[in-house]
N, C-alpha and C. Protein backbone atom coordinates (compact mmCIF):
# COMPACT_ATOMS: atom_id res chain seq x y z
N MET A 1 10.19 77.44 48.81
CA MET A 1 9.45 76.85 49.84
C MET A 1 7.99 76.28 49.22
N ILE A 2 7.41 77.00 48.35
CA ILE A 2 6.31 76.87 47.47
C ILE A 2 6.53 75.55 46.68
N ILE A 3 7.74 75.35 46.02
CA ILE A 3 8.06 74.25 45.07
C ILE A 3 8.03 73.00 46.07
N ASN A 4 8.88 73.14 47.21
CA ASN A 4 8.97 72.08 48.13
C ASN A 4 7.41 71.53 48.64
N TYR A 5 6.69 72.49 48.98
CA TYR A 5 5.27 72.08 49.31
C TYR A 5 4.53 71.52 48.38
N THR A 6 4.47 72.08 47.21
CA THR A 6 3.70 71.37 46.22
C THR A 6 4.25 70.12 45.55
N LYS A 7 5.52 69.95 45.92
CA LYS A 7 6.22 68.69 45.16
C LYS A 7 5.60 67.45 45.53
N THR A 8 5.30 67.33 46.99
CA THR A 8 4.82 66.08 47.53
C THR A 8 3.39 65.85 46.82
N TYR A 9 2.49 66.70 46.40
CA TYR A 9 1.23 66.41 46.03
C TYR A 9 1.36 66.27 44.66
N ILE A 10 2.22 66.77 43.89
CA ILE A 10 2.27 66.44 42.38
C ILE A 10 2.97 64.82 42.18
N VAL A 11 3.73 64.55 43.22
CA VAL A 11 4.39 63.37 42.93
C VAL A 11 3.25 62.39 43.31
N LEU A 12 2.45 62.60 44.30
CA LEU A 12 1.35 61.82 44.61
C LEU A 12 0.37 61.52 43.68
N ILE A 13 -0.09 62.63 42.96
CA ILE A 13 -1.33 62.54 42.10
C ILE A 13 -0.73 61.93 40.65
N THR A 14 0.56 61.84 40.52
CA THR A 14 0.96 61.17 39.27
C THR A 14 1.61 59.86 39.53
N LYS A 15 1.16 59.26 40.54
CA LYS A 15 1.64 57.89 40.76
C LYS A 15 0.68 56.86 40.10
N GLU A 16 1.02 55.55 39.99
CA GLU A 16 0.19 54.66 39.29
C GLU A 16 -1.05 54.64 39.98
N ASN A 17 -2.31 54.54 39.29
CA ASN A 17 -3.60 54.40 39.73
C ASN A 17 -4.14 55.79 40.69
N TYR A 18 -3.36 56.67 40.65
CA TYR A 18 -3.73 57.83 41.03
C TYR A 18 -4.44 58.88 40.22
N PRO A 19 -5.04 59.90 40.52
CA PRO A 19 -5.89 60.82 39.73
C PRO A 19 -5.55 61.09 38.20
N VAL A 20 -4.24 61.33 38.04
CA VAL A 20 -3.58 61.79 36.58
C VAL A 20 -3.92 60.72 35.72
N GLU A 21 -3.21 59.65 36.05
CA GLU A 21 -3.33 58.30 35.38
C GLU A 21 -4.65 57.78 35.09
N THR A 22 -5.51 57.85 36.22
CA THR A 22 -6.87 57.26 35.94
C THR A 22 -7.74 58.21 35.23
N ILE A 23 -7.59 59.53 35.23
CA ILE A 23 -8.19 60.40 34.36
C ILE A 23 -7.76 60.28 32.98
N THR A 24 -6.47 59.90 32.88
CA THR A 24 -6.12 59.70 31.52
C THR A 24 -6.59 58.39 30.86
N PHE A 25 -6.80 57.54 31.58
CA PHE A 25 -7.35 56.06 31.05
C PHE A 25 -8.77 56.35 30.67
N ILE A 26 -9.53 57.08 31.45
CA ILE A 26 -10.88 57.46 31.34
C ILE A 26 -11.31 58.23 29.85
N VAL A 27 -10.35 59.30 29.76
CA VAL A 27 -10.42 60.04 28.68
C VAL A 27 -9.97 59.07 27.44
N ILE A 28 -9.19 58.24 27.54
CA ILE A 28 -8.90 57.64 26.40
C ILE A 28 -10.13 56.47 26.14
N LEU A 29 -10.59 56.05 27.05
CA LEU A 29 -11.93 55.10 26.81
C LEU A 29 -12.91 56.18 26.15
N ALA A 30 -13.08 57.41 26.45
CA ALA A 30 -14.01 58.22 25.83
C ALA A 30 -13.46 58.45 24.37
N SER A 31 -12.32 58.75 24.30
CA SER A 31 -11.81 58.85 22.81
C SER A 31 -12.12 57.82 22.02
N ILE A 32 -11.76 56.59 22.45
CA ILE A 32 -12.10 55.33 21.49
C ILE A 32 -13.53 55.44 21.23
N TYR A 33 -14.48 55.67 22.20
CA TYR A 33 -16.03 55.69 21.84
C TYR A 33 -16.24 56.71 20.89
N MET A 34 -15.52 57.86 20.84
CA MET A 34 -15.93 58.89 20.08
C MET A 34 -15.52 58.69 18.79
N GLY A 35 -14.29 57.89 18.74
CA GLY A 35 -13.58 57.63 17.38
C GLY A 35 -14.60 56.63 16.45
N ILE A 36 -15.01 55.75 17.40
CA ILE A 36 -15.95 54.65 16.67
C ILE A 36 -17.25 55.29 16.28
N LYS A 37 -17.80 56.39 16.69
CA LYS A 37 -18.82 56.99 16.46
C LYS A 37 -18.37 57.82 15.19
N LEU A 38 -17.35 58.46 15.08
CA LEU A 38 -16.84 59.23 14.13
C LEU A 38 -16.58 58.13 12.69
N ILE A 39 -16.15 57.11 13.00
CA ILE A 39 -15.99 56.01 11.77
C ILE A 39 -17.17 55.92 11.29
N ARG A 40 -18.26 55.49 12.09
CA ARG A 40 -19.49 55.09 11.51
C ARG A 40 -20.22 56.22 10.68
N LEU A 41 -19.99 57.42 11.25
CA LEU A 41 -20.73 58.48 10.68
C LEU A 41 -19.83 58.79 9.09
N MET A 42 -18.53 58.75 9.28
CA MET A 42 -17.91 58.82 8.06
C MET A 42 -18.29 57.96 6.92
N TYR A 43 -18.57 56.68 7.32
CA TYR A 43 -19.02 55.42 6.55
C TYR A 43 -20.30 55.90 5.93
N ARG A 44 -21.38 56.15 6.68
CA ARG A 44 -22.54 56.72 6.40
C ARG A 44 -22.62 57.89 5.36
N SER A 45 -21.49 58.82 5.45
CA SER A 45 -21.59 59.84 4.76
C SER A 45 -20.77 59.86 3.42
N ASN A 46 -20.24 58.62 3.08
CA ASN A 46 -19.57 58.19 2.13
C ASN A 46 -18.33 59.19 1.88
N LEU A 47 -17.38 59.42 2.86
CA LEU A 47 -16.29 60.13 2.71
C LEU A 47 -15.09 59.47 1.99
N GLU A 48 -14.32 60.08 1.77
CA GLU A 48 -13.02 59.47 1.01
C GLU A 48 -12.52 58.29 2.05
N SER A 49 -12.08 57.24 1.60
CA SER A 49 -11.78 56.19 2.45
C SER A 49 -10.48 56.41 3.24
N TYR A 50 -9.60 57.17 2.85
CA TYR A 50 -8.49 57.62 3.66
C TYR A 50 -8.69 58.24 4.78
N LYS A 51 -9.85 59.07 4.86
CA LYS A 51 -10.27 59.69 6.16
C LYS A 51 -10.68 58.66 7.19
N THR A 52 -11.59 57.79 6.65
CA THR A 52 -12.00 56.81 7.57
C THR A 52 -10.84 55.78 8.30
N ILE A 53 -10.02 55.49 7.27
CA ILE A 53 -8.57 54.73 7.74
C ILE A 53 -7.91 55.34 8.56
N PHE A 54 -7.68 56.75 8.44
CA PHE A 54 -6.88 57.67 9.39
C PHE A 54 -7.40 57.53 10.83
N VAL A 55 -8.74 57.72 11.01
CA VAL A 55 -9.59 57.52 12.13
C VAL A 55 -9.50 56.32 12.74
N ALA A 56 -9.82 55.06 11.97
CA ALA A 56 -9.57 53.89 12.51
C ALA A 56 -8.09 53.36 13.00
N LEU A 57 -7.14 54.04 12.35
CA LEU A 57 -5.70 53.72 12.95
C LEU A 57 -5.50 54.61 14.22
N MET A 58 -6.14 55.71 14.34
CA MET A 58 -6.15 56.54 15.62
C MET A 58 -6.86 55.74 16.55
N VAL A 59 -7.94 55.39 16.29
CA VAL A 59 -8.63 54.48 17.36
C VAL A 59 -7.90 53.32 17.89
N LEU A 60 -7.13 52.43 16.84
CA LEU A 60 -6.39 51.54 17.27
C LEU A 60 -5.00 51.94 18.04
N GLY A 61 -4.47 53.10 17.83
CA GLY A 61 -3.55 53.64 18.65
C GLY A 61 -4.05 53.98 19.92
N LEU A 62 -5.17 54.37 20.18
CA LEU A 62 -5.61 54.82 21.48
C LEU A 62 -6.01 53.51 22.16
N ILE A 63 -6.49 52.50 21.47
CA ILE A 63 -6.47 51.19 22.33
C ILE A 63 -5.25 50.59 22.98
N PHE A 64 -4.06 50.68 22.09
CA PHE A 64 -2.92 50.35 22.43
C PHE A 64 -2.34 51.20 23.61
N VAL A 65 -2.49 52.56 23.46
CA VAL A 65 -2.16 53.54 24.51
C VAL A 65 -2.74 53.44 25.78
N GLY A 66 -4.20 52.94 25.81
CA GLY A 66 -5.19 52.62 26.86
C GLY A 66 -4.62 51.46 27.69
N LEU A 67 -4.28 50.41 26.87
CA LEU A 67 -3.73 49.14 27.51
C LEU A 67 -2.39 49.45 28.00
N GLU A 68 -1.60 50.14 27.54
CA GLU A 68 -0.23 50.42 28.05
C GLU A 68 -0.25 51.35 29.32
N GLU A 69 -1.45 52.28 29.43
CA GLU A 69 -1.59 53.09 30.46
C GLU A 69 -1.87 52.28 31.65
N ILE A 70 -2.62 51.16 31.58
CA ILE A 70 -2.75 50.36 32.81
C ILE A 70 -1.89 49.01 32.75
N SER A 71 -0.75 49.14 31.95
CA SER A 71 0.14 48.13 31.91
C SER A 71 -0.64 46.62 31.61
N TRP A 72 -1.48 46.73 30.59
CA TRP A 72 -2.17 45.71 30.16
C TRP A 72 -2.88 44.86 31.11
N GLY A 73 -3.64 45.54 32.18
CA GLY A 73 -4.42 45.07 33.11
C GLY A 73 -3.70 44.77 34.49
N GLN A 74 -2.18 45.32 34.51
CA GLN A 74 -1.49 44.94 35.67
C GLN A 74 -2.21 45.68 36.89
N TRP A 75 -2.36 47.13 36.62
CA TRP A 75 -2.99 47.81 37.60
C TRP A 75 -4.38 47.71 38.05
N VAL A 76 -4.87 46.78 37.30
CA VAL A 76 -6.48 46.45 37.48
C VAL A 76 -6.50 45.14 38.27
N PHE A 77 -5.71 44.21 37.56
CA PHE A 77 -5.83 42.87 38.34
C PHE A 77 -4.74 42.69 39.14
N TYR A 78 -3.63 43.62 39.25
CA TYR A 78 -2.61 43.34 40.17
C TYR A 78 -1.73 42.00 40.14
N PHE A 79 -1.58 41.59 38.83
CA PHE A 79 -0.70 40.46 38.61
C PHE A 79 0.78 40.78 38.74
N THR A 80 1.61 39.96 38.85
CA THR A 80 2.99 40.34 39.06
C THR A 80 3.63 40.22 37.50
N SER A 81 4.79 41.18 37.31
CA SER A 81 5.29 41.25 35.85
C SER A 81 6.04 39.86 35.61
N PRO A 82 5.97 39.58 34.43
CA PRO A 82 6.82 38.30 34.16
C PRO A 82 8.52 38.69 34.28
N ASP A 83 9.29 37.74 34.27
CA ASP A 83 10.64 38.00 34.41
C ASP A 83 11.14 38.84 33.47
N TYR A 84 10.86 38.66 32.25
CA TYR A 84 11.25 39.60 31.07
C TYR A 84 11.03 41.07 31.41
N PHE A 85 9.78 41.51 31.93
CA PHE A 85 9.67 42.68 31.99
C PHE A 85 10.28 43.17 33.32
N LYS A 86 10.40 42.42 34.30
CA LYS A 86 11.23 42.91 35.59
C LYS A 86 12.72 43.17 35.27
N GLU A 87 13.28 42.61 34.18
CA GLU A 87 14.56 42.78 33.98
C GLU A 87 14.78 43.88 32.85
N THR A 88 13.72 44.12 31.95
CA THR A 88 13.97 44.90 30.79
C THR A 88 13.13 46.47 30.87
N ASN A 89 12.17 46.40 31.90
CA ASN A 89 11.36 47.50 32.13
C ASN A 89 11.79 48.48 33.16
N LEU A 90 11.76 49.74 32.79
CA LEU A 90 12.48 50.67 33.80
C LEU A 90 11.50 50.84 35.11
N GLN A 91 10.13 50.43 35.11
CA GLN A 91 9.49 50.50 36.19
C GLN A 91 9.06 49.04 36.45
N ARG A 92 9.62 48.21 35.90
CA ARG A 92 9.49 46.70 36.23
C ARG A 92 7.74 46.48 36.16
N GLU A 93 7.06 46.94 35.12
CA GLU A 93 5.94 46.91 34.74
C GLU A 93 5.54 46.14 33.37
N THR A 94 4.44 45.57 33.28
CA THR A 94 4.14 44.81 32.00
C THR A 94 3.71 45.76 31.10
N ASN A 95 4.49 46.53 30.38
CA ASN A 95 4.19 47.43 29.26
C ASN A 95 5.22 47.60 28.29
N ILE A 96 5.07 48.23 27.34
CA ILE A 96 6.12 48.21 26.25
C ILE A 96 6.88 49.71 26.29
N HIS A 97 6.20 50.64 26.65
CA HIS A 97 6.71 52.18 26.46
C HIS A 97 7.82 52.28 27.40
N ASN A 98 7.90 51.41 28.58
CA ASN A 98 8.96 51.75 29.61
C ASN A 98 10.23 50.74 29.40
N LEU A 99 10.23 50.01 28.39
CA LEU A 99 11.20 49.02 28.02
C LEU A 99 12.50 49.98 27.89
N LYS A 100 13.55 49.43 28.51
CA LYS A 100 14.84 50.33 28.48
C LYS A 100 15.36 50.77 26.84
N ASP A 101 14.98 49.79 25.97
CA ASP A 101 15.57 50.08 24.63
C ASP A 101 14.46 50.85 23.91
N LEU A 102 13.16 51.06 24.15
CA LEU A 102 12.18 51.71 23.59
C LEU A 102 11.77 52.99 24.16
N HIS A 103 11.95 53.14 25.40
CA HIS A 103 11.60 54.46 26.28
C HIS A 103 11.78 55.64 25.58
N VAL A 104 13.17 56.07 25.19
CA VAL A 104 13.44 57.23 24.60
C VAL A 104 12.69 57.37 23.16
N LYS A 105 12.41 56.36 22.67
CA LYS A 105 11.66 56.54 21.30
C LYS A 105 10.11 57.01 21.54
N PHE A 106 9.64 56.50 22.62
CA PHE A 106 8.05 57.23 23.12
C PHE A 106 8.25 58.64 23.38
N GLU A 107 9.50 58.90 24.03
CA GLU A 107 9.66 60.31 24.42
C GLU A 107 9.58 61.21 23.05
N TYR A 108 10.40 60.88 22.00
CA TYR A 108 10.44 61.51 20.80
C TYR A 108 9.00 61.44 20.15
N LEU A 109 8.23 60.36 20.41
CA LEU A 109 6.89 60.36 19.96
C LEU A 109 5.99 61.50 20.38
N ARG A 110 6.35 61.72 21.68
CA ARG A 110 5.30 62.75 22.06
C ARG A 110 5.68 64.14 21.44
N VAL A 111 6.82 64.40 21.20
CA VAL A 111 7.38 65.70 20.35
C VAL A 111 6.56 65.62 19.03
N LEU A 112 6.61 64.61 18.35
CA LEU A 112 6.10 64.48 17.28
C LEU A 112 4.38 64.65 17.16
N ILE A 113 3.87 64.19 18.23
CA ILE A 113 2.48 64.37 18.36
C ILE A 113 2.22 65.84 18.53
N GLY A 114 2.92 66.64 19.31
CA GLY A 114 2.82 68.00 19.46
C GLY A 114 3.07 68.82 18.11
N LEU A 115 3.98 68.47 17.52
CA LEU A 115 4.39 69.01 16.07
C LEU A 115 3.20 68.88 15.14
N GLY A 116 2.82 67.40 15.05
CA GLY A 116 1.88 67.01 14.11
C GLY A 116 0.62 67.86 14.45
N GLY A 117 0.31 68.03 15.64
CA GLY A 117 -0.99 68.77 16.14
C GLY A 117 -0.92 70.05 15.36
N PHE A 118 0.06 70.76 15.52
CA PHE A 118 0.21 72.30 14.95
C PHE A 118 0.09 72.01 13.33
N VAL A 119 0.56 71.06 12.93
CA VAL A 119 0.54 71.08 11.31
C VAL A 119 -1.14 70.67 11.11
N SER A 120 -1.75 70.03 11.75
CA SER A 120 -3.11 69.54 11.45
C SER A 120 -4.03 70.86 11.81
N ILE A 121 -3.68 71.79 12.70
CA ILE A 121 -4.44 72.91 12.77
C ILE A 121 -4.37 73.89 11.61
N PHE A 122 -3.23 73.86 11.09
CA PHE A 122 -2.92 74.78 9.70
C PHE A 122 -3.77 74.11 8.39
N LEU A 123 -4.07 72.82 8.69
CA LEU A 123 -4.68 72.06 7.61
C LEU A 123 -6.10 72.02 7.75
N ASN A 124 -6.65 72.72 8.86
CA ASN A 124 -8.10 72.36 9.13
C ASN A 124 -8.98 72.85 8.02
N ASN A 125 -8.69 73.95 7.54
CA ASN A 125 -9.72 74.56 6.52
C ASN A 125 -9.37 74.07 4.87
N THR A 126 -8.64 72.98 4.81
CA THR A 126 -8.35 72.26 3.29
C THR A 126 -9.20 71.20 3.34
N LYS A 127 -9.80 71.08 2.14
CA LYS A 127 -10.65 70.01 1.54
C LYS A 127 -10.02 68.69 1.97
N THR A 128 -8.92 68.39 1.62
CA THR A 128 -8.18 67.14 1.47
C THR A 128 -8.27 66.55 3.19
N PHE A 129 -8.02 67.45 3.95
CA PHE A 129 -7.96 67.14 5.54
C PHE A 129 -9.36 67.62 6.31
N LYS A 130 -10.33 67.85 5.59
CA LYS A 130 -11.38 68.06 6.43
C LYS A 130 -11.95 67.01 6.98
N TYR A 131 -12.27 67.18 8.25
CA TYR A 131 -12.82 66.08 9.24
C TYR A 131 -11.72 65.10 9.74
N ILE A 132 -10.52 65.42 9.50
CA ILE A 132 -9.31 64.75 10.01
C ILE A 132 -8.26 65.72 10.65
N SER A 133 -8.75 66.95 10.94
CA SER A 133 -7.66 68.04 11.46
C SER A 133 -7.94 68.68 12.75
N ALA A 134 -7.20 69.16 13.28
CA ALA A 134 -7.48 69.55 14.57
C ALA A 134 -8.11 71.08 14.65
N PRO A 135 -8.89 71.39 15.72
CA PRO A 135 -9.48 72.80 15.80
C PRO A 135 -8.34 73.58 16.42
N PHE A 136 -8.54 74.93 16.18
CA PHE A 136 -7.55 75.77 16.67
C PHE A 136 -7.45 75.84 18.16
N VAL A 137 -8.48 75.54 19.09
CA VAL A 137 -8.73 75.45 20.44
C VAL A 137 -7.49 74.55 20.82
N LEU A 138 -7.11 73.70 20.12
CA LEU A 138 -5.96 72.66 20.68
C LEU A 138 -4.39 73.30 20.40
N SER A 139 -4.39 74.55 20.06
CA SER A 139 -3.03 74.92 19.91
C SER A 139 -2.36 75.18 21.33
N SER A 140 -3.11 75.53 22.22
CA SER A 140 -2.34 75.52 23.53
C SER A 140 -1.90 74.13 24.09
N PHE A 141 -2.68 73.15 24.00
CA PHE A 141 -2.42 71.90 24.22
C PHE A 141 -1.20 71.50 23.52
N PHE A 142 -1.13 71.57 22.18
CA PHE A 142 0.01 71.24 21.46
C PHE A 142 1.20 71.96 21.82
N LEU A 143 1.14 73.15 22.07
CA LEU A 143 2.33 74.03 22.56
C LEU A 143 3.03 73.17 23.85
N LEU A 144 2.16 73.09 24.79
CA LEU A 144 2.66 72.57 25.92
C LEU A 144 3.19 71.20 25.79
N ILE A 145 2.42 70.30 24.87
CA ILE A 145 2.85 68.91 24.48
C ILE A 145 4.31 68.88 24.01
N THR A 146 4.42 69.98 23.06
CA THR A 146 5.74 69.91 22.19
C THR A 146 6.91 70.60 23.09
N VAL A 147 6.68 71.41 23.88
CA VAL A 147 7.70 72.20 24.55
C VAL A 147 8.14 71.32 25.86
N PHE A 148 7.18 70.72 26.61
CA PHE A 148 7.66 69.98 27.71
C PHE A 148 8.30 68.58 27.27
N SER A 149 7.69 68.06 26.10
CA SER A 149 8.23 66.83 25.73
C SER A 149 9.79 66.97 25.12
N ALA A 150 9.88 68.16 24.40
CA ALA A 150 11.30 68.31 23.83
C ALA A 150 12.19 68.61 25.00
N LEU A 151 11.84 69.41 25.96
CA LEU A 151 12.74 69.57 27.19
C LEU A 151 13.03 68.22 27.91
N ASP A 152 12.05 67.41 28.03
CA ASP A 152 12.18 66.09 28.68
C ASP A 152 13.15 65.32 27.94
N VAL A 153 13.13 65.15 26.63
CA VAL A 153 14.14 64.60 25.88
C VAL A 153 15.56 65.20 26.02
N TYR A 154 15.57 66.56 25.95
CA TYR A 154 16.95 67.29 26.17
C TYR A 154 17.53 66.90 27.41
N ASN A 155 16.63 67.10 28.45
CA ASN A 155 17.05 66.94 30.04
C ASN A 155 17.59 65.34 30.30
N PHE A 156 17.00 64.44 29.94
CA PHE A 156 17.00 63.29 30.31
C PHE A 156 17.75 62.23 29.31
N TYR A 157 17.63 62.37 28.13
CA TYR A 157 18.00 61.42 26.96
C TYR A 157 19.25 61.84 26.17
N LEU A 158 19.50 63.07 26.12
CA LEU A 158 20.56 63.37 25.31
C LEU A 158 21.99 63.43 25.88
N PRO A 159 23.12 62.70 25.65
CA PRO A 159 24.28 62.64 26.35
C PRO A 159 24.72 64.03 26.94
N ASP A 160 25.21 63.89 28.19
CA ASP A 160 25.85 65.28 28.96
C ASP A 160 24.99 66.21 28.79
N GLN A 161 23.81 66.28 28.92
CA GLN A 161 23.00 67.42 28.78
C GLN A 161 21.82 67.51 30.01
N ARG A 162 22.38 66.57 31.08
CA ARG A 162 21.42 66.29 31.99
C ARG A 162 21.47 67.53 33.34
N LEU A 163 22.25 68.40 33.01
CA LEU A 163 22.52 69.61 34.13
C LEU A 163 21.39 70.72 33.80
N LEU A 164 20.72 70.71 32.65
CA LEU A 164 19.92 71.71 32.39
C LEU A 164 18.94 72.06 33.37
N PHE A 165 18.17 71.22 33.78
CA PHE A 165 17.16 71.44 34.70
C PHE A 165 17.39 70.74 36.24
N GLN A 166 18.50 70.33 36.30
CA GLN A 166 18.78 69.78 37.69
C GLN A 166 19.13 70.93 38.58
N VAL A 167 19.65 72.00 38.18
CA VAL A 167 20.00 73.10 38.98
C VAL A 167 18.77 73.52 39.81
N GLY A 168 18.73 73.52 41.03
CA GLY A 168 17.64 73.85 41.84
C GLY A 168 16.50 72.79 42.03
N GLY A 169 17.01 71.50 41.61
CA GLY A 169 15.99 70.43 41.92
C GLY A 169 14.90 70.41 40.98
N PHE A 170 15.06 71.02 39.79
CA PHE A 170 13.77 71.01 38.75
C PHE A 170 13.59 69.99 38.05
N TRP A 171 14.73 68.96 38.27
CA TRP A 171 14.48 67.59 37.20
C TRP A 171 13.39 67.03 37.68
N TRP A 172 12.71 66.97 38.89
CA TRP A 172 11.55 66.13 39.29
C TRP A 172 10.43 66.62 38.54
N PHE A 173 10.49 68.23 38.27
CA PHE A 173 9.32 68.91 37.69
C PHE A 173 8.94 68.24 36.62
N PHE A 174 9.91 67.95 35.46
CA PHE A 174 9.68 67.39 34.35
C PHE A 174 9.46 66.04 34.36
N LYS A 175 10.06 65.25 35.38
CA LYS A 175 9.78 63.86 35.36
C LYS A 175 8.47 63.48 35.78
N PHE A 176 7.83 64.33 36.67
CA PHE A 176 6.36 63.82 36.89
C PHE A 176 5.39 64.49 36.23
N ASN A 177 5.66 65.78 35.57
CA ASN A 177 4.88 66.33 34.95
C ASN A 177 4.57 65.63 33.36
N MET A 178 5.41 64.74 33.00
CA MET A 178 5.16 64.14 31.75
C MET A 178 3.82 63.32 31.91
N GLU A 179 3.56 62.77 33.08
CA GLU A 179 2.22 62.10 33.25
C GLU A 179 1.02 63.09 32.90
N ILE A 180 1.27 64.46 33.29
CA ILE A 180 0.28 65.34 32.95
C ILE A 180 0.23 65.73 31.50
N ILE A 181 1.30 65.47 30.97
CA ILE A 181 1.39 65.74 29.45
C ILE A 181 0.76 64.54 28.70
N GLU A 182 0.84 63.28 29.16
CA GLU A 182 0.05 62.22 28.73
C GLU A 182 -1.39 62.29 28.61
N MET A 183 -1.89 63.07 29.93
CA MET A 183 -3.18 63.39 30.04
C MET A 183 -3.72 64.38 28.98
N LEU A 184 -2.73 65.32 28.80
CA LEU A 184 -3.18 66.20 27.85
C LEU A 184 -3.35 65.73 26.35
N ILE A 185 -2.36 64.86 26.13
CA ILE A 185 -2.38 63.96 24.76
C ILE A 185 -3.92 63.44 24.65
N ALA A 186 -4.22 62.97 25.73
CA ALA A 186 -5.64 62.02 25.55
C ALA A 186 -6.59 63.00 25.64
N ILE A 187 -6.54 64.02 26.08
CA ILE A 187 -7.64 65.12 26.20
C ILE A 187 -7.65 65.75 24.57
N SER A 188 -6.41 65.97 24.21
CA SER A 188 -6.46 66.46 22.76
C SER A 188 -7.16 65.45 21.78
N ALA A 189 -6.68 64.26 21.89
CA ALA A 189 -7.53 63.08 20.84
C ALA A 189 -8.74 63.25 21.23
N PHE A 190 -9.43 63.48 22.45
CA PHE A 190 -10.70 63.51 22.55
C PHE A 190 -11.50 64.55 21.88
N ILE A 191 -10.93 65.66 22.25
CA ILE A 191 -11.35 66.92 21.60
C ILE A 191 -11.34 66.87 20.05
N PHE A 192 -10.13 66.31 19.56
CA PHE A 192 -9.92 66.35 18.23
C PHE A 192 -11.08 65.37 17.42
N LEU A 193 -11.21 64.23 17.98
CA LEU A 193 -12.47 63.37 17.65
C LEU A 193 -13.87 64.06 17.79
N LEU A 194 -14.20 64.69 19.11
CA LEU A 194 -15.41 65.10 19.16
C LEU A 194 -15.64 66.41 18.05
N ALA A 195 -14.68 67.19 17.87
CA ALA A 195 -14.83 68.63 17.05
C ALA A 195 -14.96 68.00 15.64
N ASN A 196 -14.43 66.72 14.98
CA ASN A 196 -14.81 66.60 13.64
C ASN A 196 -15.93 65.82 13.64
N TYR A 197 -16.37 64.91 14.66
CA TYR A 197 -17.70 64.45 14.74
C TYR A 197 -18.74 65.57 14.67
N ARG A 198 -18.80 66.43 15.42
CA ARG A 198 -19.78 67.51 15.24
C ARG A 198 -19.80 68.13 13.97
N ARG A 199 -18.63 68.50 13.45
CA ARG A 199 -18.33 69.28 12.24
C ARG A 199 -19.13 68.43 11.02
N LEU A 200 -18.87 67.09 11.11
CA LEU A 200 -19.35 66.26 10.10
C LEU A 200 -20.96 65.85 10.09
N LYS A 201 -21.32 65.84 11.52
CA LYS A 201 -22.78 65.83 11.84
C LYS A 201 -23.47 66.84 11.18
N LEU A 202 -23.08 68.00 11.47
CA LEU A 202 -23.72 69.32 10.93
C LEU A 202 -23.90 69.34 9.55
N THR A 203 -22.79 69.04 8.63
CA THR A 203 -22.86 69.01 7.34
C THR A 203 -23.76 67.77 6.83
N SER A 204 -24.00 66.57 7.76
CA SER A 204 -24.74 65.55 7.12
C SER A 204 -26.16 65.88 7.29
N ASN A 205 -26.66 66.49 8.10
CA ASN A 205 -28.02 66.84 8.50
C ASN A 205 -28.66 67.69 7.34
């Protein structure tokens, strides 16, 4: 009964242009801003070039993800998807991550982000990865991202394995909570960049 009661609200807040997606986009914008600040500070601090390049690539990735999140402006300007995307996009939107041939690859990418985050935490105190590693506080975020993303891949994309969470109607839980996982990834990126900025700022003063 509780699940049926809350299901309506979870489905609602994870729709396009509703709270979860809007928050995700805002956090991505904040992350891009923080990334640019970190790049500038790294340049002024004469850090190794590979660290600045790493953050720059991360910022470019965030710009791409942000544009994908709003379907390259479709959910801002409300233009109609071109015929190509109507035919090849699972949600008939103007974006790449929902293309039929690429969608599953982005699901695996979420798993890699979670696992990569854990590795980054263990490298936090090494000189080589100083200022480009994740703080321990993000461990719970990376755990949720990894577990939920892996279960989503297992439940929806591996052949003949779809029954795992369909018993009791739990399939919808993973389907709509992946929007929340995307929000957690955006928040993780912001905290990652903010923590490294503050860490470098303290040593630069």
